Every structure is written in C-alpha cells, then in structure tokens.
Amino acid sequence: MPRIVDRANVHTRAYTLLVVSGNPDTQAMILEHAREKGHSVISASTASLGLSTFEMTQPDIVFVDVSRPEQDGLLLVKQICERRPTCSVVLLTDAGLVASTMDGLRAGALDYVQQPIHAEKLAHVLQRAIQRLPATVDDSAGIERLEYHLVMAPDPNSVESTIRWLIYGTAMGLVEMRQLHLRSALYELVMNAVEHGCLEVRYHDKIKAVAADQYDALIQRRKQDARFRDRRVTIRAIYDKPQQLLTYHIADEGKGFSWRAPENSGLEACPTGDATGRGIFLARSFFPDLAYNDLGNEVTIRVPLG
C-alpha cells in the first residue's frame, strides 16, 4: 500500500508489487527495477498461490504470467479484476501469445510486457500502471469532504468484499496497523448488522448450525423468510479532511438489541446468549468512542486521521 519514502531528499510514492510468475529471470528483473524506485515486491510462483497472496497482501500492482500455463494466468487476471477493479494488472507474455494477451487485456489487464523483459520497457509499463492507480482523498488537494452511502442485502458472504471496498475507498491514508484495526472493527459491526440485526440469527442457533455444517442453509432460510428478506444494511462513510476525521454509520433494519448489557460486562468478550457482545468488545478495543443509538440498530465509529 502507498507510503512516503525519502530518497535523496526527493519524496516519491512507494507501492507494493505482486509478481505471479515461475520465471526466476522475470522475478529478478522486476525486483531489481522496483527496489531501485523504492517499491516493495512480493512473489508467487503459481496462479493459485498468487490469488491467496493477493488476498492477504492487497498489492497496488500485479504482474501476471499468462504464458505458462496461460489459462491459469487468465483466470487469475479475471479474479483480481473482479475483486478489486482499481488494481493495476500487467500481463507477462511470451512472443507469439497474441490470443492470450488479447484475452488478458479484455479481462481487465492494463498493459503487457514481453519476456525476456527489457529494463526500458518495464520502466515504461510500470509508470503507466502507477499513473492508473486511483488517487486517495489525501492526494486531492481540492476535496474537503467525501461521503459514501452503501446499501447491502443481508448476506454474510458479501461482508468481506464490502469491507475491502470501504477500506480502499476511504482509509488508504491510514497507517497499516490502523487499517487492520479498522478492517477488524468494521467486519465485526457489519456482520452483526447482517446476522443478528437483519436476519435475527441468535448466537446459540448460529453455533449449532456451524457445528452441524448447516450455517449456509440457516442463512438461506432466513434470507427467504418474508420477515427478513427485504431488510437491508446501510453504511455511511464520511471523510472530513478539515476535521481530520473518518466516520462510519452502520444501520440495520432489525429490532435492535440491548447494547448496554455487553458494554457493562467488563472484560467478558462474548456475553452468554449473543455474539453481538464479542463484536462490540473487539471494535471498542480499537475505537473506544464507538456508540449505538438507543434502539441498538445503528452504530457509529469515528477514526481520527492524524
């Protein structure tokens, strides 16, 4: 993720690159060039390892080898572009692979570079990839306030991707550890809004369903139930540059809950009868001024940017 580095008194952006290739010469060339520019490089030798590495590290730019085996590389390009369309993807190709190069570009890749890689071509392609990366609000001097209004269906499978989008859209200016704290807090609070708020899944019911490998079936039944199927979770994210403050409001259309009970339970992270307390405990550990409305179906957390 972007950070500021000082090289010879010149401030430049530094980025994280992921190179998915089994070609050691390609990996070495990109590593050498990237380090000269102050960037960091992560390598993965296969497409399957590349996907898991991408999910864990959230790189800014990904180089994907579509020459061997090309279908695995093309699938990885599609998966990356679906998960994070703003990520710059560059194809690593061999001479004669016109069809796979075209398929990769149509799948969402930005550019391509042919192997064996020449330093001049790599420098040009990498610069183009950097220029295509979206600027954060911090980089845009004229923007003082940014607001996002998200409405999501009560589907636990959508929570992780929603949180990734929120972090990338609003919190890339935070230091890495603070981002991790925010990601954890938002995940707990949004998942609580989905499961316990909209779908009214009780703690013991969830535990029993998970133990019996019936959790997905339980969620599917709740989503189809006329009492719950039209409920939604609403997330408002507000980036206020003059105030140096990020604010998130997470509301669900459920009945609410007695949030003061888990708040007053001391260090009991997961009060008996409801997992909601665990989510509040974790989130409040990172953001002490977390607050619910009286009904208990809307929570607000504020994140100082300074």
Protein backbone atom coordinates (compact mmCIF):
# COMPACT_ATOMS: atom_id res chain seq x y z
CA MET A 1 0.00 0.00 0.00
CA PRO A 2 1.27 3.52 -0.65
CA ARG A 3 3.71 5.14 1.74
CA ILE A 4 6.03 8.15 1.56
CA VAL A 5 9.76 7.46 1.27
CA ASP A 6 12.64 9.93 1.09
CA ARG A 7 15.32 9.13 -1.44
CA ALA A 8 17.99 11.79 -1.92
CA ASN A 9 15.59 14.39 -0.45
CA VAL A 10 13.02 13.66 -3.15
CA HIS A 11 9.62 12.46 -1.91
CA THR A 12 8.07 9.78 -4.10
CA ARG A 13 5.27 7.30 -3.73
CA ALA A 14 6.26 3.74 -2.92
CA TYR A 15 3.97 0.87 -3.91
CA THR A 16 3.64 -2.85 -3.33
CA LEU A 17 4.02 -5.05 -6.42
CA LEU A 18 2.96 -8.70 -6.66
CA VAL A 19 4.75 -10.77 -9.34
CA VAL A 20 2.98 -14.03 -10.20
CA SER A 21 5.45 -15.97 -12.32
CA GLY A 22 7.53 -19.12 -12.18
CA ASN A 23 10.23 -17.48 -14.29
CA PRO A 24 13.17 -16.58 -12.00
CA ASP A 25 14.68 -14.15 -14.55
CA THR A 26 11.40 -12.23 -14.74
CA GLN A 27 11.08 -12.09 -10.97
CA ALA A 28 14.68 -10.89 -10.60
CA MET A 29 14.31 -8.16 -13.24
CA ILE A 30 11.12 -6.73 -11.72
CA LEU A 31 12.53 -6.98 -8.19
CA GLU A 32 15.72 -5.12 -9.12
CA HIS A 33 13.93 -2.36 -11.01
CA ALA A 34 11.20 -1.91 -8.38
CA ARG A 35 13.68 -1.69 -5.50
CA GLU A 36 15.65 0.98 -7.34
CA LYS A 37 12.44 3.03 -7.39
CA GLY A 38 11.71 2.44 -3.71
CA HIS A 39 8.87 -0.05 -4.24
CA SER A 40 8.45 -3.40 -2.49
CA VAL A 41 7.92 -6.70 -4.32
CA ILE A 42 6.14 -9.91 -3.32
CA SER A 43 6.48 -13.03 -5.47
CA ALA A 44 4.25 -16.05 -6.09
CA SER A 45 5.26 -18.90 -8.36
CA THR A 46 1.77 -20.11 -9.35
CA ALA A 47 -1.62 -18.57 -10.09
CA SER A 48 -3.29 -20.32 -7.14
CA LEU A 49 -0.63 -19.06 -4.77
CA GLY A 50 -0.90 -15.67 -6.46
CA LEU A 51 -4.59 -15.36 -5.62
CA SER A 52 -4.11 -16.16 -1.93
CA THR A 53 -1.13 -13.79 -1.78
CA PHE A 54 -3.20 -11.06 -3.44
CA GLU A 55 -5.97 -11.50 -0.87
CA MET A 56 -3.54 -11.37 2.05
CA THR A 57 -1.30 -8.52 0.94
CA GLN A 58 -3.63 -6.29 -1.13
CA PRO A 59 -0.87 -5.10 -3.52
CA ASP A 60 -1.20 -1.99 -5.66
CA ILE A 61 0.09 -3.53 -8.91
CA VAL A 62 0.11 -7.17 -10.04
CA PHE A 63 2.21 -8.72 -12.80
CA VAL A 64 0.64 -11.99 -14.02
CA ASP A 65 2.41 -14.51 -16.26
CA VAL A 66 -0.07 -15.74 -18.88
CA SER A 67 2.46 -17.83 -20.77
CA ARG A 68 2.63 -21.00 -18.66
CA PRO A 69 0.04 -22.27 -18.07
CA GLU A 70 -1.81 -19.43 -19.73
CA GLN A 71 -5.33 -20.43 -18.70
CA ASP A 72 -4.40 -20.28 -15.01
CA GLY A 73 -2.95 -16.82 -15.54
CA LEU A 74 -6.00 -15.58 -17.41
CA LEU A 75 -8.29 -16.86 -14.66
CA LEU A 76 -6.18 -15.03 -12.07
CA VAL A 77 -6.46 -11.79 -14.05
CA LYS A 78 -10.26 -12.13 -14.07
CA GLN A 79 -10.37 -12.90 -10.34
CA ILE A 80 -8.20 -9.92 -9.43
CA CYS A 81 -10.17 -7.51 -11.63
CA GLU A 82 -13.47 -8.77 -10.20
CA ARG A 83 -12.29 -8.45 -6.61
CA ARG A 84 -10.59 -5.06 -6.98
CA PRO A 85 -11.16 -3.28 -10.31
CA THR A 86 -8.89 -0.42 -9.28
CA CYS A 87 -5.82 -2.69 -9.07
CA SER A 88 -3.39 -2.25 -11.99
CA VAL A 89 -2.72 -5.62 -13.65
CA VAL A 90 0.12 -6.10 -16.12
CA LEU A 91 0.44 -9.24 -18.25
CA LEU A 92 3.75 -11.09 -18.63
CA THR A 93 3.69 -12.73 -22.06
CA ASP A 94 5.96 -14.59 -24.45
CA ALA A 95 6.42 -13.95 -28.16
CA GLY A 96 3.58 -15.34 -30.23
CA LEU A 97 0.96 -15.39 -27.46
CA VAL A 98 -1.27 -12.85 -29.18
CA ALA A 99 -4.56 -14.55 -28.34
CA SER A 100 -3.86 -14.93 -24.60
CA THR A 101 -2.55 -11.35 -24.45
CA MET A 102 -5.76 -10.05 -26.00
CA ASP A 103 -7.86 -12.22 -23.66
CA GLY A 104 -5.97 -10.85 -20.66
CA LEU A 105 -6.48 -7.26 -21.73
CA ARG A 106 -10.19 -7.89 -22.29
CA ALA A 107 -10.39 -9.46 -18.83
CA GLY A 108 -9.24 -6.17 -17.32
CA ALA A 109 -5.44 -6.03 -17.50
CA LEU A 110 -3.98 -2.58 -18.12
CA ASP A 111 -0.92 -3.45 -20.21
CA TYR A 112 1.55 -6.20 -21.08
CA VAL A 113 5.29 -6.69 -21.23
CA GLN A 114 7.01 -9.41 -23.24
CA GLN A 115 9.55 -11.81 -21.76
CA PRO A 116 12.53 -11.68 -21.61
CA ILE A 117 11.91 -8.26 -20.10
CA HIS A 118 13.97 -5.23 -21.10
CA ALA A 119 14.55 -2.59 -18.45
CA GLU A 120 13.35 0.33 -20.60
CA LYS A 121 10.06 -1.35 -21.46
CA LEU A 122 9.50 -2.41 -17.85
CA ALA A 123 10.06 1.16 -16.64
CA HIS A 124 7.51 2.49 -19.11
CA VAL A 125 4.88 -0.14 -18.27
CA LEU A 126 5.35 0.27 -14.52
CA GLN A 127 4.97 4.04 -14.77
CA ARG A 128 1.73 3.62 -16.73
CA ALA A 129 0.45 1.19 -14.09
CA ILE A 130 1.25 3.67 -11.31
CA GLN A 131 -0.45 6.52 -13.17
CA ARG A 132 -3.62 4.44 -13.47
CA LEU A 133 -3.88 3.86 -9.73
CA PRO A 134 -6.68 5.88 -8.12
CA ALA A 135 -5.54 8.81 -6.01
CA THR A 136 -6.60 8.86 -2.38
CA VAL A 137 -8.51 11.80 -0.96
CA ASP A 138 -5.28 12.90 0.72
CA ASP A 139 -3.72 13.30 -2.73
CA SER A 140 -6.56 15.55 -3.97
CA ALA A 141 -5.96 19.00 -2.53
CA GLY A 142 -9.34 20.44 -3.59
CA ILE A 143 -11.51 17.79 -1.90
CA GLU A 144 -12.51 18.62 1.67
CA ARG A 145 -15.28 16.12 2.33
CA LEU A 146 -16.22 12.78 0.80
CA GLU A 147 -19.33 10.72 1.57
CA TYR A 148 -20.29 7.19 0.54
CA HIS A 149 -23.78 5.76 1.05
CA LEU A 150 -23.88 1.96 0.69
CA VAL A 151 -26.94 -0.27 0.90
CA MET A 152 -26.31 -4.02 1.09
CA ALA A 153 -28.52 -7.09 1.26
CA PRO A 154 -28.19 -9.16 4.45
CA ASP A 155 -25.72 -11.71 3.06
CA PRO A 156 -22.74 -12.70 5.25
CA ASN A 157 -20.83 -13.71 2.12
CA SER A 158 -20.83 -10.07 0.97
CA VAL A 159 -19.39 -8.59 4.15
CA GLU A 160 -15.70 -9.19 3.44
CA SER A 161 -15.78 -7.66 -0.05
CA THR A 162 -17.79 -4.68 1.24
CA ILE A 163 -15.20 -4.02 3.95
CA ARG A 164 -12.35 -4.27 1.45
CA TRP A 165 -14.11 -1.70 -0.73
CA LEU A 166 -14.66 0.63 2.21
CA ILE A 167 -11.05 0.42 3.33
CA TYR A 168 -9.73 1.03 -0.16
CA GLY A 169 -12.17 3.85 -0.82
CA THR A 170 -11.85 5.73 2.46
CA ALA A 171 -8.94 4.59 4.62
CA MET A 172 -5.85 4.10 2.46
CA GLY A 173 -4.30 7.15 4.10
CA LEU A 174 -4.17 5.38 7.48
CA VAL A 175 -1.03 3.59 8.61
CA GLU A 176 -1.10 -0.16 8.04
CA MET A 177 -1.79 -1.15 11.66
CA ARG A 178 -4.67 1.33 11.92
CA GLN A 179 -6.11 -0.05 8.69
CA LEU A 180 -6.01 -3.55 10.17
CA HIS A 181 -7.79 -2.34 13.30
CA LEU A 182 -10.45 -0.59 11.23
CA ARG A 183 -10.92 -3.61 8.98
CA SER A 184 -11.46 -5.84 12.01
CA ALA A 185 -13.90 -3.43 13.68
CA LEU A 186 -15.95 -2.83 10.53
CA TYR A 187 -16.13 -6.56 9.81
CA GLU A 188 -17.48 -7.33 13.28
CA LEU A 189 -20.01 -4.49 13.23
CA VAL A 190 -21.29 -5.09 9.70
CA MET A 191 -21.52 -8.85 10.28
CA ASN A 192 -23.51 -8.20 13.46
CA ALA A 193 -25.84 -5.91 11.50
CA VAL A 194 -26.35 -8.64 8.89
CA GLU A 195 -26.66 -11.74 11.08
CA HIS A 196 -28.11 -10.50 14.33
CA GLY A 197 -29.80 -7.35 13.11
CA CYS A 198 -31.44 -8.04 9.74
CA LEU A 199 -31.63 -11.85 9.89
CA GLU A 200 -32.14 -12.15 13.69
CA VAL A 201 -29.82 -15.15 13.94
CA ARG A 202 -29.33 -15.89 17.62
CA TYR A 203 -25.91 -16.81 18.96
CA HIS A 204 -26.85 -20.35 20.02
CA ASP A 205 -28.64 -21.01 16.72
CA LYS A 206 -25.54 -19.98 14.82
CA ILE A 207 -23.24 -22.14 16.95
CA LYS A 208 -25.49 -25.18 16.47
CA ALA A 209 -25.73 -24.58 12.71
CA VAL A 210 -21.96 -24.19 12.34
CA ALA A 211 -21.32 -27.35 14.37
CA ALA A 212 -23.74 -29.29 12.12
CA ASP A 213 -22.30 -27.72 8.94
CA GLN A 214 -25.72 -26.10 8.36
CA TYR A 215 -24.78 -22.43 8.65
CA ASP A 216 -25.25 -21.66 4.93
CA ALA A 217 -28.62 -23.41 4.96
CA LEU A 218 -29.69 -21.40 8.01
CA ILE A 219 -28.73 -18.13 6.33
CA GLN A 220 -30.51 -19.12 3.13
CA ARG A 221 -33.73 -19.86 5.03
CA ARG A 222 -33.56 -16.52 6.80
CA LYS A 223 -32.92 -14.65 3.55
CA GLN A 224 -36.02 -16.26 2.03
CA ASP A 225 -38.19 -15.65 5.10
CA ALA A 226 -40.78 -12.92 4.42
CA ARG A 227 -39.97 -11.34 7.80
CA PHE A 228 -36.34 -10.70 6.89
CA ARG A 229 -35.79 -10.85 3.12
CA ASP A 230 -36.44 -7.16 2.42
CA ARG A 231 -34.28 -5.83 5.22
CA ARG A 232 -31.08 -4.02 4.36
CA VAL A 233 -27.88 -2.78 6.00
CA THR A 234 -26.96 0.85 5.31
CA ILE A 235 -23.40 2.13 5.67
CA ARG A 236 -22.49 5.82 5.53
CA ALA A 237 -18.79 6.62 5.36
CA ILE A 238 -17.75 10.27 5.76
CA TYR A 239 -14.21 11.51 5.13
CA ASP A 240 -13.79 15.02 6.56
CA LYS A 241 -10.37 16.41 5.66
CA PRO A 242 -10.60 19.73 7.59
CA GLN A 243 -11.68 17.86 10.72
CA GLN A 244 -9.18 15.04 10.01
CA LEU A 245 -11.88 12.51 10.80
CA LEU A 246 -13.34 9.37 9.30
CA THR A 247 -16.86 8.49 10.47
CA TYR A 248 -18.80 5.31 9.75
CA HIS A 249 -22.52 4.86 10.49
CA ILE A 250 -23.75 1.25 10.21
CA ALA A 251 -27.53 0.73 10.47
CA ASP A 252 -29.72 -2.32 10.03
CA GLU A 253 -33.50 -2.71 9.77
CA GLY A 254 -33.77 -5.19 12.63
CA LYS A 255 -35.37 -4.75 16.03
CA GLY A 256 -32.17 -3.60 17.71
CA PHE A 257 -30.70 -5.06 20.90
CA SER A 258 -29.75 -4.10 24.43
CA TRP A 259 -26.24 -2.92 23.66
CA ARG A 260 -25.66 -1.56 27.15
CA ALA A 261 -25.53 -5.09 28.58
CA PRO A 262 -22.40 -6.14 26.70
CA GLU A 263 -20.93 -2.70 27.26
CA ASN A 264 -21.22 -3.14 31.01
CA SER A 265 -19.95 -6.71 31.04
CA GLY A 266 -16.37 -5.66 31.78
CA LEU A 267 -13.83 -7.91 30.09
CA GLU A 268 -16.37 -10.57 29.15
CA ALA A 269 -15.74 -10.52 25.41
CA CYS A 270 -18.72 -12.65 24.44
CA PRO A 271 -21.65 -12.45 26.85
CA THR A 272 -23.81 -15.55 27.18
CA GLY A 273 -26.65 -15.70 24.69
CA ASP A 274 -25.45 -13.30 22.00
CA ALA A 275 -22.26 -12.97 19.94
CA THR A 276 -23.02 -9.30 19.41
CA GLY A 277 -21.06 -8.57 22.57
CA ARG A 278 -17.89 -10.03 21.08
CA GLY A 279 -18.09 -7.73 18.06
CA ILE A 280 -18.66 -4.67 20.26
CA PHE A 281 -15.83 -5.68 22.58
CA LEU A 282 -13.34 -6.05 19.72
CA ALA A 283 -14.43 -2.87 17.93
CA ARG A 284 -14.45 -0.80 21.12
CA SER A 285 -10.95 -2.07 21.96
CA PHE A 286 -9.70 -0.33 18.81
CA PHE A 287 -12.14 2.62 18.79
CA PRO A 288 -13.23 3.49 22.35
CA ASP A 289 -15.78 6.14 21.35
CA LEU A 290 -17.94 3.62 19.46
CA ALA A 291 -21.61 4.47 20.11
CA TYR A 292 -25.01 2.89 19.41
CA ASN A 293 -28.33 4.65 19.10
CA ASP A 294 -30.95 4.00 21.80
CA LEU A 295 -32.65 1.22 19.84
CA GLY A 296 -29.39 -0.58 19.16
CA ASN A 297 -29.73 -0.90 15.38
CA GLU A 298 -27.22 1.80 14.39
CA VAL A 299 -23.60 2.10 15.46
CA THR A 300 -21.12 4.91 14.82
CA ILE A 301 -17.34 4.77 14.97
CA ARG A 302 -15.03 7.73 14.47
CA VAL A 303 -11.44 7.34 13.30
CA PRO A 304 -9.02 10.29 13.73
CA LEU A 305 -6.81 10.74 10.67
CA GLY A 306 -3.98 12.45 12.48
